Amino acid sequence: MSSKPYKGHFKPFTYKNIEELRDEFERLDLDVPICKNIEILKKSIRFGENSIPNRLSVQPMEGFDANGKGSPSKLTFRRYKRYAKSGVSLIWFESTSISLDSRSNPHQLMLTEKNKQDFRRLVNETRVLCNKTLESLGFRKNCFLILQLNHSGRYSKKSRKKNPIRASKNEELDKAIDVTEDDGKVVSDDELKNLENIWV
């Protein structure tokens, strides 16, 4: 089988059964093993002091559906409600910015002191529904939720324009994201220290 990356266009995921998915792998000349027995996904798993009731998780990319201040919108709540009703036991919340300047999109989620109650509500509603779903499926343990804090760094944008915030200059990386060394800025030690304070 080929190890070359697929260079075609992306298309919607519309497979109705495992055979259609297998046919697609064959068409793309991909060596992807498929196992029909998925019982292992129903087993709980421990990590450190924690455990989750099954091995299914959701780790969404950014939905870019936050309101202008970074708070979860109705669309955000709707998405996480759907994740919670899916039967997964681990929901890894999408990349959530720590500051206005560190967002890659004006509608990226952003956690601030002013909107932390909105996030608390999103997490609480997601947790309650997820646990209720797991219980209805016969699982006895609760779900596990993680919020991923983010600084977009080189991918930061300001007023929808690229505004890379870098720790160092790197011509190859700048070229890869189509910016010049004059775009954005290289952060100072003091700015890095301030970012540490924001994270905490």
Foldseek 3Di string as FASTA:
>chain_A
DDPDDDPDDDDDDDDPDPVVVVVVCVVSVHDDDDDPDPVQQQPKDDDDPDIWRGNDEDEDEFPLAAPQVQFRDPVNLVVLLVRLLPQGQEYEYYEAELDPQQDLHSSGHHDDPVRVVSVVVSVVVSQVSNQVNNVVVPTDDGGHYHYHYDGNAQSTDDPNHGAHEACDDDPVVCVVVVHDCPGHHYDDPVVVVVVVVSVD
